[in-house]
Every structure is written in structure tokens, then in C-alpha cells.
Amino acid sequence: MAYIIFLFLKGFSLFINLLPEGVALWLGRQLGRVVFRLDWIHRKVALENLHIAFGEEKPEKELFGIARRTFENLGMVAVEFFRIPGMDTETYKKKVEMEGVEEALKVLDKKKGALLLLGHFGNWELMALMSKVIEKPILVIAKSIKQKRIDQWITRIRKMVGLELIPPKNATPKVIKALSQNEVVGILFDQRGKRSRGVWADFFGRKVPTTSGLAVMAIKSGAPVLPVFMIRNGFQKHRLIVKEPLELIHTGDLRKDVEANTQLFNDILESIIRQYPDQWFWVHRRWERKKRVHHR
């Protein structure tokens, strides 16, 4: 079955790259709409998440619309990802409006590297091509895909644009070493952390298990943390936003500092999601189910 899925994705990729970009994106959006109607499991997850985040702020019709547009965006993300190998730097610069990149590069003058606070937002895969713009590879902690052939293929595409992937297991010492060599490391921060090791931090008014890794790495290395988001800006355009380095909390108490900075990172994510709610990855169970809600 895994091999059949692999062949299907390869065929889909070939077909998508034969089409004009506008047609391919239109097809991706329609695919997202179809999946929204048929995939009731992930549609239910998205709507449950939206009710947790905005249930008291937005009417049901608006939440349903956000969920549908989320799936449409994911369809376009898939199409754009498979077209990445054919995108050169000049094409990328025409397609993506960049804000704050030049200023952000100045943090590397301190020779402590840089940590990028990332999320599954807009088309997060296109952020990888930022490595070509800054002419410096970007290291990213990423889980492997269970299907080996698909994982190798996806990994090859990511490496083509300048990403270096670090497996999550024992990632911290590898990241600390990379930062000491003035490298740039991206951390996708918006997935649910492990209950046993994560920090319980507020996210849209509810405690959620959140990975503490980014805070630990930042405190131990002294590297600046820059929030980076890719916003879909119309049909064929994007906006890459690199914000100024965050002012981290340093009190000398490692445990409290990790908790406080992890909360800071969650607050940054929540603020950008509130601005562009239909561009986040609502299909992931970020919150605990009711029967397992954490009490402090």
C-alpha cells in the first residue's frame, strides 16, 4: 500500500509540474475542498480546535469557513511543494515578498547563530528557500515519515533547497553545536509536546503540553530567537515575515526561565494565528481531549 501511495504522489508531482502555476494552484485548492468534504475525521479535528480557540468569539458559520479555507490552503501547499524543485532564487524573490530578512541577518554578527521560531503556517515549506536568499543552509529538526520511500523523496526535495534535517532524538546537543558554529536552526514549535516532558503553557486560554526544547536551546546557547512566518498573500503570492529577535527572560532559574520563555513563544504563535486564522494547521490535535484536560 505504501508503494502505491508513493507512485501516486510521484505521478501527481509530475502532472502538477506540467501545468501552468495558476491552473495547478486552482486544482490544489479544489482538491482541498474535496478533502474537506470527504475527510470527516480531520474536518472534525479542525472544527473542534476552532471551537476551543474561537468558540466564544466567532459564530459557527465563520468557524466552518475558516476550516474549509484551511483545507484549501493545504491543497495549495501540496501543489507548491511538488513544484519547489523547479523554482530558482529569482522566481522565489518574485513570488515571495520578504520583510525583515536583511535586518535579521545582522544577528549572525554576534557569532552565536540564530534560532527560528516556526509554525505550520501559510506555506511553511516555502520558507526553506530562504536559505538560498541568505546564501546559508538552514538546519531544521524534523521527524521522518514512516513510509521510507516517501520520506527519502521528500527529504531529497528539502535538501535541494538548502535544508539540513536533524532527527528529533537527541537533537539538543546537535543544535547547540550548530549554533556555536554560527548556523541558523529552525524549530517548528506549534505541535503538541509530550505530556511527560513538555511545559504546560497557555494557548488560546487553555493549558497545552508544549515542547521546551526551543527555550532550553536558546538559554543554553545564548542564540537569539526570531519568529518567522510565511503568509499566503493572495493566490500566487506570499509574504515572508522575519520579526525582530525576542527579548527572552533570564532570571537565573533555569526551570522558571524555560517555562516563561515557552509561554512567550506560545503567545507569539497565538498572535499570528489570530491575525490569519485560516492559514494555520488546524487539523493537528494541539489541545488535549476533554477527558484528559490538564489541571494545575
C-alpha atoms as a PDB file:
ATOM      1  CA  MET A   1       0.000   0.000   0.000  1.00  0.00           C
ATOM      2  CA  ALA A   2       2.839   2.373   0.883  1.00  0.00           C
ATOM      3  CA  TYR A   3       4.409   1.782  -2.536  1.00  0.00           C
ATOM      4  CA  ILE A   4       1.104   2.558  -4.275  1.00  0.00           C
ATOM      5  CA  ILE A   5       0.858   5.851  -2.342  1.00  0.00           C
ATOM      6  CA  PHE A   6       4.439   6.647  -3.321  1.00  0.00           C
ATOM      7  CA  LEU A   7       3.701   6.020  -7.002  1.00  0.00           C
ATOM      8  CA  PHE A   8       0.559   8.128  -6.797  1.00  0.00           C
ATOM      9  CA  LEU A   9       2.460  11.057  -5.266  1.00  0.00           C
ATOM     10  CA  LYS A  10       5.215  10.789  -7.887  1.00  0.00           C
ATOM     11  CA  GLY A  11       2.606  10.788 -10.638  1.00  0.00           C
ATOM     12  CA  PHE A  12       0.759  13.712  -9.039  1.00  0.00           C
ATOM     13  CA  SER A  13       4.027  15.647  -8.796  1.00  0.00           C
ATOM     14  CA  LEU A  14       4.808  15.035 -12.472  1.00  0.00           C
ATOM     15  CA  PHE A  15       1.307  16.078 -13.536  1.00  0.00           C
ATOM     16  CA  ILE A  16       1.344  19.236 -11.372  1.00  0.00           C
ATOM     17  CA  ASN A  17       4.649  20.354 -12.852  1.00  0.00           C
ATOM     18  CA  LEU A  18       3.280  20.060 -16.391  1.00  0.00           C
ATOM     19  CA  LEU A  19       0.537  22.606 -15.636  1.00  0.00           C
ATOM     20  CA  PRO A  20       0.776  26.417 -15.564  1.00  0.00           C
ATOM     21  CA  GLU A  21       1.165  27.609 -11.970  1.00  0.00           C
ATOM     22  CA  GLY A  22      -2.253  29.250 -11.793  1.00  0.00           C
ATOM     23  CA  VAL A  23      -4.016  26.125 -13.037  1.00  0.00           C
ATOM     24  CA  ALA A  24      -2.023  23.913 -10.654  1.00  0.00           C
ATOM     25  CA  LEU A  25      -2.895  26.095  -7.663  1.00  0.00           C
ATOM     26  CA  TRP A  26      -6.560  26.191  -8.649  1.00  0.00           C
ATOM     27  CA  LEU A  27      -6.501  22.405  -8.804  1.00  0.00           C
ATOM     28  CA  GLY A  28      -4.824  22.246  -5.395  1.00  0.00           C
ATOM     29  CA  ARG A  29      -7.485  24.461  -3.877  1.00  0.00           C
ATOM     30  CA  GLN A  30     -10.258  22.317  -5.371  1.00  0.00           C
ATOM     31  CA  LEU A  31      -8.510  19.221  -4.037  1.00  0.00           C
ATOM     32  CA  GLY A  32      -8.527  20.819  -0.581  1.00  0.00           C
ATOM     33  CA  ARG A  33     -12.272  21.421  -0.858  1.00  0.00           C
ATOM     34  CA  VAL A  34     -12.893  17.805  -1.825  1.00  0.00           C
ATOM     35  CA  VAL A  35     -10.792  16.513   1.067  1.00  0.00           C
ATOM     36  CA  PHE A  36     -12.654  18.852   3.427  1.00  0.00           C
ATOM     37  CA  ARG A  37     -15.932  17.219   2.416  1.00  0.00           C
ATOM     38  CA  LEU A  38     -14.703  13.615   2.404  1.00  0.00           C
ATOM     39  CA  ASP A  39     -12.166  13.508   5.256  1.00  0.00           C
ATOM     40  CA  TRP A  40     -14.633  13.847   8.127  1.00  0.00           C
ATOM     41  CA  ILE A  41     -12.029  12.815  10.719  1.00  0.00           C
ATOM     42  CA  HIS A  42      -9.667  15.736  10.088  1.00  0.00           C
ATOM     43  CA  ARG A  43     -12.582  18.081   9.410  1.00  0.00           C
ATOM     44  CA  LYS A  44     -13.911  17.206  12.875  1.00  0.00           C
ATOM     45  CA  VAL A  45     -10.479  17.796  14.440  1.00  0.00           C
ATOM     46  CA  ALA A  46     -10.206  21.199  12.745  1.00  0.00           C
ATOM     47  CA  LEU A  47     -13.667  22.281  13.865  1.00  0.00           C
ATOM     48  CA  GLU A  48     -13.064  21.052  17.428  1.00  0.00           C
ATOM     49  CA  ASN A  49      -9.813  23.024  17.560  1.00  0.00           C
ATOM     50  CA  LEU A  50     -11.504  26.133  16.190  1.00  0.00           C
ATOM     51  CA  HIS A  51     -14.240  25.878  18.807  1.00  0.00           C
ATOM     52  CA  ILE A  52     -11.596  25.696  21.536  1.00  0.00           C
ATOM     53  CA  ALA A  53      -9.735  28.704  20.154  1.00  0.00           C
ATOM     54  CA  PHE A  54     -12.609  30.920  18.965  1.00  0.00           C
ATOM     55  CA  GLY A  55     -15.827  29.294  20.136  1.00  0.00           C
ATOM     56  CA  GLU A  56     -16.811  32.248  22.292  1.00  0.00           C
ATOM     57  CA  GLU A  57     -15.599  34.861  19.779  1.00  0.00           C
ATOM     58  CA  LYS A  58     -16.807  33.731  16.357  1.00  0.00           C
ATOM     59  CA  PRO A  59     -20.129  32.311  15.081  1.00  0.00           C
ATOM     60  CA  GLU A  60     -20.413  28.727  13.811  1.00  0.00           C
ATOM     61  CA  LYS A  61     -20.616  29.797  10.170  1.00  0.00           C
ATOM     62  CA  GLU A  62     -17.334  31.693  10.410  1.00  0.00           C
ATOM     63  CA  LEU A  63     -15.562  28.755  12.084  1.00  0.00           C
ATOM     64  CA  PHE A  64     -16.792  26.429   9.337  1.00  0.00           C
ATOM     65  CA  GLY A  65     -15.459  28.843   6.709  1.00  0.00           C
ATOM     66  CA  ILE A  66     -12.052  29.023   8.395  1.00  0.00           C
ATOM     67  CA  ALA A  67     -11.872  25.225   8.478  1.00  0.00           C
ATOM     68  CA  ARG A  68     -12.763  24.959   4.778  1.00  0.00           C
ATOM     69  CA  ARG A  69     -10.179  27.575   3.775  1.00  0.00           C
ATOM     70  CA  THR A  70      -7.592  25.749   5.888  1.00  0.00           C
ATOM     71  CA  PHE A  71      -8.077  22.652   3.740  1.00  0.00           C
ATOM     72  CA  GLU A  72      -7.941  24.762   0.577  1.00  0.00           C
ATOM     73  CA  ASN A  73      -4.619  26.218   1.723  1.00  0.00           C
ATOM     74  CA  LEU A  74      -3.241  22.745   2.455  1.00  0.00           C
ATOM     75  CA  GLY A  75      -4.180  21.647  -1.057  1.00  0.00           C
ATOM     76  CA  MET A  76      -2.225  24.567  -2.483  1.00  0.00           C
ATOM     77  CA  VAL A  77       0.692  23.853  -0.111  1.00  0.00           C
ATOM     78  CA  ALA A  78       0.913  20.328  -1.548  1.00  0.00           C
ATOM     79  CA  VAL A  79       0.958  21.646  -5.114  1.00  0.00           C
ATOM     80  CA  GLU A  80       3.586  24.292  -4.342  1.00  0.00           C
ATOM     81  CA  PHE A  81       5.787  21.798  -2.514  1.00  0.00           C
ATOM     82  CA  PHE A  82       5.986  19.497  -5.521  1.00  0.00           C
ATOM     83  CA  ARG A  83       6.891  22.486  -7.714  1.00  0.00           C
ATOM     84  CA  ILE A  84       9.763  23.585  -5.436  1.00  0.00           C
ATOM     85  CA  PRO A  85      12.495  21.712  -7.388  1.00  0.00           C
ATOM     86  CA  GLY A  86      11.758  23.879 -10.425  1.00  0.00           C
ATOM     87  CA  MET A  87      11.891  27.176  -8.523  1.00  0.00           C
ATOM     88  CA  ASP A  88      15.114  29.187  -8.696  1.00  0.00           C
ATOM     89  CA  THR A  89      16.105  32.089  -6.444  1.00  0.00           C
ATOM     90  CA  GLU A  90      14.905  34.803  -8.823  1.00  0.00           C
ATOM     91  CA  THR A  91      11.494  33.157  -9.202  1.00  0.00           C
ATOM     92  CA  TYR A  92      11.270  32.862  -5.432  1.00  0.00           C
ATOM     93  CA  LYS A  93      12.039  36.559  -4.946  1.00  0.00           C
ATOM     94  CA  LYS A  94       9.291  37.487  -7.426  1.00  0.00           C
ATOM     95  CA  LYS A  95       6.802  35.171  -5.736  1.00  0.00           C
ATOM     96  CA  VAL A  96       7.657  35.989  -2.123  1.00  0.00           C
ATOM     97  CA  GLU A  97       7.729  39.464  -0.613  1.00  0.00           C
ATOM     98  CA  MET A  98      10.298  39.448   2.195  1.00  0.00           C
ATOM     99  CA  GLU A  99      10.171  41.572   5.331  1.00  0.00           C
ATOM    100  CA  GLY A 100      12.947  41.838   7.888  1.00  0.00           C
ATOM    101  CA  VAL A 101      15.367  39.357   6.298  1.00  0.00           C
ATOM    102  CA  GLU A 102      18.312  41.745   5.927  1.00  0.00           C
ATOM    103  CA  GLU A 103      17.921  43.066   9.469  1.00  0.00           C
ATOM    104  CA  ALA A 104      17.635  39.527  10.799  1.00  0.00           C
ATOM    105  CA  LEU A 105      20.942  38.505   9.222  1.00  0.00           C
ATOM    106  CA  LYS A 106      22.729  41.063  11.380  1.00  0.00           C
ATOM    107  CA  VAL A 107      22.222  38.851  14.447  1.00  0.00           C
ATOM    108  CA  LEU A 108      24.781  36.466  12.957  1.00  0.00           C
ATOM    109  CA  ASP A 109      27.441  39.138  13.508  1.00  0.00           C
ATOM    110  CA  LYS A 110      27.398  38.102  17.183  1.00  0.00           C
ATOM    111  CA  LYS A 111      28.602  34.616  16.156  1.00  0.00           C
ATOM    112  CA  LYS A 112      26.004  32.816  18.275  1.00  0.00           C
ATOM    113  CA  GLY A 113      23.912  31.548  15.400  1.00  0.00           C
ATOM    114  CA  ALA A 114      20.153  32.065  15.287  1.00  0.00           C
ATOM    115  CA  LEU A 115      17.082  30.079  16.277  1.00  0.00           C
ATOM    116  CA  LEU A 116      13.976  30.488  14.121  1.00  0.00           C
ATOM    117  CA  LEU A 117      10.584  30.127  15.803  1.00  0.00           C
ATOM    118  CA  LEU A 118       8.492  28.479  13.077  1.00  0.00           C
ATOM    119  CA  GLY A 119       4.969  27.136  12.741  1.00  0.00           C
ATOM    120  CA  HIS A 120       2.909  25.179  10.219  1.00  0.00           C
ATOM    121  CA  PHE A 121       1.599  28.409   8.799  1.00  0.00           C
ATOM    122  CA  GLY A 122       0.740  29.568   5.276  1.00  0.00           C
ATOM    123  CA  ASN A 123       3.116  27.535   3.120  1.00  0.00           C
ATOM    124  CA  TRP A 124       5.796  26.706   5.677  1.00  0.00           C
ATOM    125  CA  GLU A 125       7.626  24.521   3.134  1.00  0.00           C
ATOM    126  CA  LEU A 126       8.444  27.589   1.009  1.00  0.00           C
ATOM    127  CA  MET A 127      10.370  29.058   3.948  1.00  0.00           C
ATOM    128  CA  ALA A 128      13.083  26.544   3.097  1.00  0.00           C
ATOM    129  CA  LEU A 129      14.076  28.574   0.051  1.00  0.00           C
ATOM    130  CA  MET A 130      15.063  31.424   2.365  1.00  0.00           C
ATOM    131  CA  SER A 131      18.347  29.516   2.653  1.00  0.00           C
ATOM    132  CA  LYS A 132      19.101  30.382  -0.987  1.00  0.00           C
ATOM    133  CA  VAL A 133      18.325  34.047  -0.376  1.00  0.00           C
ATOM    134  CA  ILE A 134      20.598  34.331   2.665  1.00  0.00           C
ATOM    135  CA  GLU A 135      23.142  32.033   0.983  1.00  0.00           C
ATOM    136  CA  LYS A 136      23.401  29.926   4.099  1.00  0.00           C
ATOM    137  CA  PRO A 137      21.955  26.483   4.874  1.00  0.00           C
ATOM    138  CA  ILE A 138      19.180  26.235   7.434  1.00  0.00           C
ATOM    139  CA  LEU A 139      19.035  23.309   9.834  1.00  0.00           C
ATOM    140  CA  VAL A 140      15.580  22.083  10.840  1.00  0.00           C
ATOM    141  CA  ILE A 141      14.518  19.474  13.376  1.00  0.00           C
ATOM    142  CA  ALA A 142      12.109  17.195  11.529  1.00  0.00           C
ATOM    143  CA  LYS A 143      10.518  13.802  12.126  1.00  0.00           C
ATOM    144  CA  SER A 144      10.888  11.215   9.404  1.00  0.00           C
ATOM    145  CA  ILE A 145       7.847   9.918   7.526  1.00  0.00           C
ATOM    146  CA  LYS A 146       7.010   6.285   8.320  1.00  0.00           C
ATOM    147  CA  GLN A 147       6.902   5.253   4.648  1.00  0.00           C
ATOM    148  CA  LYS A 148      10.607   5.028   3.791  1.00  0.00           C
ATOM    149  CA  ARG A 149      10.360   5.725   0.036  1.00  0.00           C
ATOM    150  CA  ILE A 150       8.170   8.777   0.583  1.00  0.00           C
ATOM    151  CA  ASP A 151      10.448  10.019   3.361  1.00  0.00           C
ATOM    152  CA  GLN A 152      13.553   9.725   1.183  1.00  0.00           C
ATOM    153  CA  TRP A 153      11.857  11.536  -1.693  1.00  0.00           C
ATOM    154  CA  ILE A 154      10.516  14.391   0.474  1.00  0.00           C
ATOM    155  CA  THR A 155      13.872  14.696   2.244  1.00  0.00           C
ATOM    156  CA  ARG A 156      15.667  14.932  -1.111  1.00  0.00           C
ATOM    157  CA  ILE A 157      13.418  17.818  -2.198  1.00  0.00           C
ATOM    158  CA  ARG A 158      14.031  19.651   1.077  1.00  0.00           C
ATOM    159  CA  LYS A 159      17.788  19.196   0.836  1.00  0.00           C
ATOM    160  CA  MET A 160      17.757  20.525  -2.733  1.00  0.00           C
ATOM    161  CA  VAL A 161      16.738  23.959  -1.456  1.00  0.00           C
ATOM    162  CA  GLY A 162      19.293  24.118   1.342  1.00  0.00           C
ATOM    163  CA  LEU A 163      17.672  22.445   4.321  1.00  0.00           C
ATOM    164  CA  GLU A 164      19.694  20.182   6.579  1.00  0.00           C
ATOM    165  CA  LEU A 165      17.455  17.898   8.624  1.00  0.00           C
ATOM    166  CA  ILE A 166      18.136  16.928  12.226  1.00  0.00           C
ATOM    167  CA  PRO A 167      16.232  13.956  13.719  1.00  0.00           C
ATOM    168  CA  PRO A 168      14.329  14.911  16.909  1.00  0.00           C
ATOM    169  CA  LYS A 169      16.046  12.239  19.038  1.00  0.00           C
ATOM    170  CA  ASN A 170      18.928  13.797  20.999  1.00  0.00           C
ATOM    171  CA  ALA A 171      18.629  16.937  18.872  1.00  0.00           C
ATOM    172  CA  THR A 172      19.604  19.467  21.552  1.00  0.00           C
ATOM    173  CA  PRO A 173      23.392  18.822  21.624  1.00  0.00           C
ATOM    174  CA  LYS A 174      23.480  18.809  17.803  1.00  0.00           C
ATOM    175  CA  VAL A 175      21.669  22.155  17.705  1.00  0.00           C
ATOM    176  CA  ILE A 176      23.911  23.672  20.392  1.00  0.00           C
ATOM    177  CA  LYS A 177      26.962  22.609  18.363  1.00  0.00           C
ATOM    178  CA  ALA A 178      25.494  24.084  15.156  1.00  0.00           C
ATOM    179  CA  LEU A 179      24.749  27.392  16.904  1.00  0.00           C
ATOM    180  CA  SER A 180      28.312  27.540  18.217  1.00  0.00           C
ATOM    181  CA  GLN A 181      29.362  27.415  14.552  1.00  0.00           C
ATOM    182  CA  ASN A 182      27.048  30.382  13.801  1.00  0.00           C
ATOM    183  CA  GLU A 183      24.474  28.264  11.958  1.00  0.00           C
ATOM    184  CA  VAL A 184      20.760  29.028  11.552  1.00  0.00           C
ATOM    185  CA  VAL A 185      18.373  26.471  13.081  1.00  0.00           C
ATOM    186  CA  GLY A 186      14.606  26.371  12.591  1.00  0.00           C
ATOM    187  CA  ILE A 187      12.238  24.860  15.158  1.00  0.00           C
ATOM    188  CA  LEU A 188       8.619  24.035  14.246  1.00  0.00           C
ATOM    189  CA  PHE A 189       7.101  24.923  17.580  1.00  0.00           C
ATOM    190  CA  ASP A 190       3.351  24.524  17.141  1.00  0.00           C
ATOM    191  CA  GLN A 191       2.914  20.761  17.573  1.00  0.00           C
ATOM    192  CA  ARG A 192       1.739  19.177  20.808  1.00  0.00           C
ATOM    193  CA  GLY A 193       4.609  18.360  23.165  1.00  0.00           C
ATOM    194  CA  LYS A 194       4.941  15.199  25.207  1.00  0.00           C
ATOM    195  CA  ARG A 195       2.935  15.252  28.418  1.00  0.00           C
ATOM    196  CA  SER A 196       5.824  13.847  30.441  1.00  0.00           C
ATOM    197  CA  ARG A 197       8.494  16.263  29.231  1.00  0.00           C
ATOM    198  CA  GLY A 198       6.707  19.299  27.843  1.00  0.00           C
ATOM    199  CA  VAL A 199       5.865  22.565  29.573  1.00  0.00           C
ATOM    200  CA  TRP A 200       2.171  23.168  30.246  1.00  0.00           C
ATOM    201  CA  ALA A 201       1.669  26.624  28.762  1.00  0.00           C
ATOM    202  CA  ASP A 202      -1.403  28.698  27.863  1.00  0.00           C
ATOM    203  CA  PHE A 203      -2.542  28.622  24.249  1.00  0.00           C
ATOM    204  CA  PHE A 204      -5.822  30.358  23.430  1.00  0.00           C
ATOM    205  CA  GLY A 205      -6.729  30.287  27.120  1.00  0.00           C
ATOM    206  CA  ARG A 206      -6.124  26.590  27.725  1.00  0.00           C
ATOM    207  CA  LYS A 207      -3.089  24.753  29.071  1.00  0.00           C
ATOM    208  CA  VAL A 208      -1.376  22.593  26.449  1.00  0.00           C
ATOM    209  CA  PRO A 209       1.760  20.404  26.604  1.00  0.00           C
ATOM    210  CA  THR A 210       4.393  22.402  24.740  1.00  0.00           C
ATOM    211  CA  THR A 211       7.905  21.381  23.793  1.00  0.00           C
ATOM    212  CA  SER A 212      10.532  23.026  25.980  1.00  0.00           C
ATOM    213  CA  GLY A 213      13.351  22.375  23.521  1.00  0.00           C
ATOM    214  CA  LEU A 214      13.450  25.808  21.908  1.00  0.00           C
ATOM    215  CA  ALA A 215      13.645  27.609  25.258  1.00  0.00           C
ATOM    216  CA  VAL A 216      16.333  25.242  26.547  1.00  0.00           C
ATOM    217  CA  MET A 217      18.428  25.670  23.395  1.00  0.00           C
ATOM    218  CA  ALA A 218      18.089  29.452  23.458  1.00  0.00           C
ATOM    219  CA  ILE A 219      19.057  29.746  27.123  1.00  0.00           C
ATOM    220  CA  LYS A 220      21.994  27.339  26.925  1.00  0.00           C
ATOM    221  CA  SER A 221      23.422  28.732  23.684  1.00  0.00           C
ATOM    222  CA  GLY A 222      22.645  32.422  24.079  1.00  0.00           C
ATOM    223  CA  ALA A 223      21.400  32.407  20.482  1.00  0.00           C
ATOM    224  CA  PRO A 224      18.692  34.934  19.534  1.00  0.00           C
ATOM    225  CA  VAL A 225      15.194  33.653  18.726  1.00  0.00           C
ATOM    226  CA  LEU A 226      13.486  35.164  15.673  1.00  0.00           C
ATOM    227  CA  PRO A 227       9.823  34.433  14.841  1.00  0.00           C
ATOM    228  CA  VAL A 228       9.469  33.636  11.115  1.00  0.00           C
ATOM    229  CA  PHE A 229       6.178  33.136   9.281  1.00  0.00           C
ATOM    230  CA  MET A 230       5.156  32.609   5.665  1.00  0.00           C
ATOM    231  CA  ILE A 231       1.797  34.258   4.901  1.00  0.00           C
ATOM    232  CA  ARG A 232      -0.212  33.460   1.785  1.00  0.00           C
ATOM    233  CA  ASN A 233      -0.804  36.846   0.190  1.00  0.00           C
ATOM    234  CA  GLY A 234      -3.426  36.284  -2.482  1.00  0.00           C
ATOM    235  CA  PHE A 235      -3.467  33.407  -4.944  1.00  0.00           C
ATOM    236  CA  GLN A 236       0.104  33.109  -6.235  1.00  0.00           C
ATOM    237  CA  LYS A 237       1.988  35.393  -3.841  1.00  0.00           C
ATOM    238  CA  HIS A 238       3.406  35.013  -0.340  1.00  0.00           C
ATOM    239  CA  ARG A 239       4.884  37.236   2.331  1.00  0.00           C
ATOM    240  CA  LEU A 240       7.842  36.041   4.406  1.00  0.00           C
ATOM    241  CA  ILE A 241       7.901  37.867   7.739  1.00  0.00           C
ATOM    242  CA  VAL A 242      11.037  37.733   9.890  1.00  0.00           C
ATOM    243  CA  LYS A 243      10.431  39.516  13.162  1.00  0.00           C
ATOM    244  CA  GLU A 244      13.000  41.100  15.430  1.00  0.00           C
ATOM    245  CA  PRO A 245      14.775  38.886  17.988  1.00  0.00           C
ATOM    246  CA  LEU A 246      12.631  38.260  21.048  1.00  0.00           C
ATOM    247  CA  GLU A 247      13.627  39.632  24.426  1.00  0.00           C
ATOM    248  CA  LEU A 248      13.986  36.398  26.362  1.00  0.00           C
ATOM    249  CA  ILE A 249      13.501  36.087  30.094  1.00  0.00           C
ATOM    250  CA  HIS A 250      16.662  35.373  32.080  1.00  0.00           C
ATOM    251  CA  THR A 251      16.361  35.193  35.875  1.00  0.00           C
ATOM    252  CA  GLY A 252      18.998  32.551  36.559  1.00  0.00           C
ATOM    253  CA  ASP A 253      16.389  29.935  37.477  1.00  0.00           C
ATOM    254  CA  LEU A 254      16.549  27.538  34.515  1.00  0.00           C
ATOM    255  CA  ARG A 255      13.225  25.803  35.176  1.00  0.00           C
ATOM    256  CA  LYS A 256      11.283  29.047  35.545  1.00  0.00           C
ATOM    257  CA  ASP A 257      13.044  30.646  32.589  1.00  0.00           C
ATOM    258  CA  VAL A 258      12.197  27.673  30.356  1.00  0.00           C
ATOM    259  CA  GLU A 259       8.543  27.869  31.406  1.00  0.00           C
ATOM    260  CA  ALA A 260       8.353  31.657  30.956  1.00  0.00           C
ATOM    261  CA  ASN A 261      10.013  31.672  27.534  1.00  0.00           C
ATOM    262  CA  THR A 262       7.941  28.731  26.330  1.00  0.00           C
ATOM    263  CA  GLN A 263       4.866  30.754  27.249  1.00  0.00           C
ATOM    264  CA  LEU A 264       6.307  33.709  25.350  1.00  0.00           C
ATOM    265  CA  PHE A 265       6.709  31.568  22.235  1.00  0.00           C
ATOM    266  CA  ASN A 266       3.124  30.303  22.508  1.00  0.00           C
ATOM    267  CA  ASP A 267       1.910  33.908  22.803  1.00  0.00           C
ATOM    268  CA  ILE A 268       3.770  34.839  19.600  1.00  0.00           C
ATOM    269  CA  LEU A 269       2.178  31.922  17.734  1.00  0.00           C
ATOM    270  CA  GLU A 270      -1.284  32.748  19.033  1.00  0.00           C
ATOM    271  CA  SER A 271      -0.966  36.374  17.950  1.00  0.00           C
ATOM    272  CA  ILE A 272      -0.106  35.458  14.337  1.00  0.00           C
ATOM    273  CA  ILE A 273      -2.825  32.786  14.206  1.00  0.00           C
ATOM    274  CA  ARG A 274      -5.383  35.350  15.361  1.00  0.00           C
ATOM    275  CA  GLN A 275      -4.338  37.636  12.506  1.00  0.00           C
ATOM    276  CA  TYR A 276      -4.546  34.893   9.849  1.00  0.00           C
ATOM    277  CA  PRO A 277      -6.703  32.104  11.314  1.00  0.00           C
ATOM    278  CA  ASP A 278      -7.339  30.247   8.048  1.00  0.00           C
ATOM    279  CA  GLN A 279      -3.623  29.757   7.388  1.00  0.00           C
ATOM    280  CA  TRP A 280      -2.732  27.627  10.410  1.00  0.00           C
ATOM    281  CA  PHE A 281      -2.630  23.817  10.603  1.00  0.00           C
ATOM    282  CA  TRP A 282      -5.911  23.250  12.465  1.00  0.00           C
ATOM    283  CA  VAL A 283      -6.031  19.550  11.551  1.00  0.00           C
ATOM    284  CA  HIS A 284      -3.484  18.670  14.258  1.00  0.00           C
ATOM    285  CA  ARG A 285      -4.778  17.865  17.772  1.00  0.00           C
ATOM    286  CA  ARG A 286      -2.966  20.696  19.549  1.00  0.00           C
ATOM    287  CA  TRP A 287      -5.242  20.552  22.577  1.00  0.00           C
ATOM    288  CA  GLU A 288      -5.972  17.632  24.879  1.00  0.00           C
ATOM    289  CA  ARG A 289      -9.322  15.888  24.617  1.00  0.00           C
ATOM    290  CA  LYS A 290     -11.744  16.867  27.369  1.00  0.00           C
ATOM    291  CA  LYS A 291     -11.313  13.678  29.388  1.00  0.00           C
ATOM    292  CA  ARG A 292      -7.559  14.371  29.556  1.00  0.00           C
ATOM    293  CA  VAL A 293      -7.562  18.119  30.160  1.00  0.00           C
ATOM    294  CA  HIS A 294      -4.662  19.098  32.403  1.00  0.00           C
ATOM    295  CA  HIS A 295      -5.386  20.725  35.734  1.00  0.00           C
ATOM    296  CA  ARG A 296      -2.845  22.670  37.686  1.00  0.00           C
END
